[in-house]
Amino acid sequence: MTNDVENAKPGLLKKGRGFLWTLAAFLGVAAVCGWVALGIGLWMDVERTTRLVLAIVAAVATEALFWTVAAALGVSVVEARKRIWRRITGRGAESAPTAAE
């Protein structure tokens, strides 16, 4: 049984990435519109329920944008997060020489 990934057309991945970038552009516009709508809603002093809905829409659009850009870049989010935490906490770094050495 052959592996489908090995037999895939070479340009197929580039076309998929092009779709992701198009989706990211659309989500970017949606996120900006969501945050602008939230700002206008706050300025107009809308009801609490409306503010909540505007905030949720803006947050979900922004989160979708981040994940889509990460997928388009091919970033392994879990690995990147591990590296960031290692730098911040110093855990998992190469072992430092001890006083006994």
Protein backbone atom coordinates (compact mmCIF):
# COMPACT_ATOMS: atom_id res chain seq x y z
CA MET A 1 0.00 0.00 0.00
CA THR A 2 1.48 3.34 -1.04
CA ASN A 3 1.46 6.51 0.94
CA ASP A 4 -0.84 9.17 -0.53
CA VAL A 5 1.40 11.98 0.67
CA GLU A 6 4.36 10.64 -1.29
CA ASN A 7 2.24 10.40 -4.45
CA ALA A 8 0.68 13.86 -4.12
CA LYS A 9 1.28 16.43 -6.83
CA PRO A 10 4.12 18.84 -5.94
CA GLY A 11 2.03 21.99 -6.43
CA LEU A 12 -0.80 20.73 -4.25
CA LEU A 13 0.73 21.97 -1.01
CA LYS A 14 1.38 25.40 -2.50
CA LYS A 15 -2.24 25.65 -3.61
CA GLY A 16 -3.34 24.69 -0.09
CA ARG A 17 -1.13 27.37 1.40
CA GLY A 18 -2.55 29.90 -1.05
CA PHE A 19 -6.02 29.05 0.22
CA LEU A 20 -4.84 29.48 3.81
CA TRP A 21 -3.42 32.91 3.03
CA THR A 22 -6.68 33.92 1.34
CA LEU A 23 -8.60 32.68 4.36
CA ALA A 24 -6.20 34.57 6.65
CA ALA A 25 -6.82 37.79 4.71
CA PHE A 26 -10.58 37.30 5.02
CA LEU A 27 -10.28 36.55 8.73
CA GLY A 28 -8.02 39.57 9.18
CA VAL A 29 -10.70 41.81 7.73
CA ALA A 30 -13.31 40.09 9.90
CA ALA A 31 -11.15 40.55 13.03
CA VAL A 32 -10.52 44.23 12.34
CA CYS A 33 -14.23 44.79 11.67
CA GLY A 34 -15.08 42.92 14.87
CA TRP A 35 -12.78 45.06 16.98
CA VAL A 36 -13.97 48.26 15.32
CA ALA A 37 -17.58 47.21 15.95
CA LEU A 38 -16.73 46.55 19.60
CA GLY A 39 -15.12 49.97 19.90
CA ILE A 40 -18.13 51.66 18.34
CA GLY A 41 -20.42 49.65 20.61
CA LEU A 42 -18.48 50.80 23.67
CA TRP A 43 -18.54 54.38 22.44
CA MET A 44 -22.31 54.19 21.90
CA ASP A 45 -22.74 52.62 25.35
CA VAL A 46 -24.75 49.63 24.11
CA GLU A 47 -26.37 47.13 26.44
CA ARG A 48 -24.29 44.57 28.30
CA THR A 49 -25.54 41.66 26.15
CA THR A 50 -24.64 43.45 22.92
CA ARG A 51 -21.17 44.29 24.25
CA LEU A 52 -20.66 40.65 25.18
CA VAL A 53 -21.67 39.45 21.71
CA LEU A 54 -19.40 42.03 20.03
CA ALA A 55 -16.47 41.01 22.24
CA ILE A 56 -17.00 37.30 21.55
CA VAL A 57 -17.21 37.84 17.79
CA ALA A 58 -14.03 39.94 17.79
CA ALA A 59 -12.16 37.43 19.97
CA VAL A 60 -13.21 34.38 17.93
CA ALA A 61 -12.29 36.10 14.65
CA THR A 62 -8.89 37.04 16.05
CA GLU A 63 -8.24 33.53 17.37
CA ALA A 64 -9.22 32.02 14.01
CA LEU A 65 -6.84 34.46 12.31
CA PHE A 66 -3.93 33.43 14.55
CA TRP A 67 -4.49 29.70 13.96
CA THR A 68 -4.89 30.18 10.21
CA VAL A 69 -1.68 32.19 9.93
CA ALA A 70 0.13 29.57 12.02
CA ALA A 71 -1.14 26.84 9.68
CA ALA A 72 -0.16 28.85 6.60
CA LEU A 73 3.34 29.36 7.98
CA GLY A 74 3.60 25.71 8.94
CA VAL A 75 4.31 26.57 12.54
CA SER A 76 3.94 23.80 15.04
CA VAL A 77 2.18 25.76 17.74
CA VAL A 78 2.83 23.19 20.45
CA GLU A 79 6.57 23.08 19.74
CA ALA A 80 6.79 26.86 19.55
CA ARG A 81 4.99 27.16 22.87
CA LYS A 82 7.39 24.66 24.45
CA ARG A 83 10.39 26.67 23.23
CA ILE A 84 8.93 29.91 24.56
CA TRP A 85 8.31 28.40 28.00
CA ARG A 86 11.81 26.91 28.06
CA ARG A 87 13.29 30.34 27.39
CA ILE A 88 11.13 32.03 30.01
CA THR A 89 11.58 29.47 32.77
CA GLY A 90 15.04 28.16 31.89
CA ARG A 91 13.77 24.58 32.16
CA GLY A 92 14.94 22.05 29.66
CA ALA A 93 18.03 24.08 28.84
CA GLU A 94 21.34 22.34 28.57
CA SER A 95 22.56 21.37 31.99
CA ALA A 96 24.69 24.01 33.62
CA PRO A 97 27.92 22.97 35.30
CA THR A 98 27.49 22.28 38.98
CA ALA A 99 29.75 23.43 41.80
CA ALA A 100 31.16 19.91 42.22
CA GLU A 101 32.67 19.96 38.75
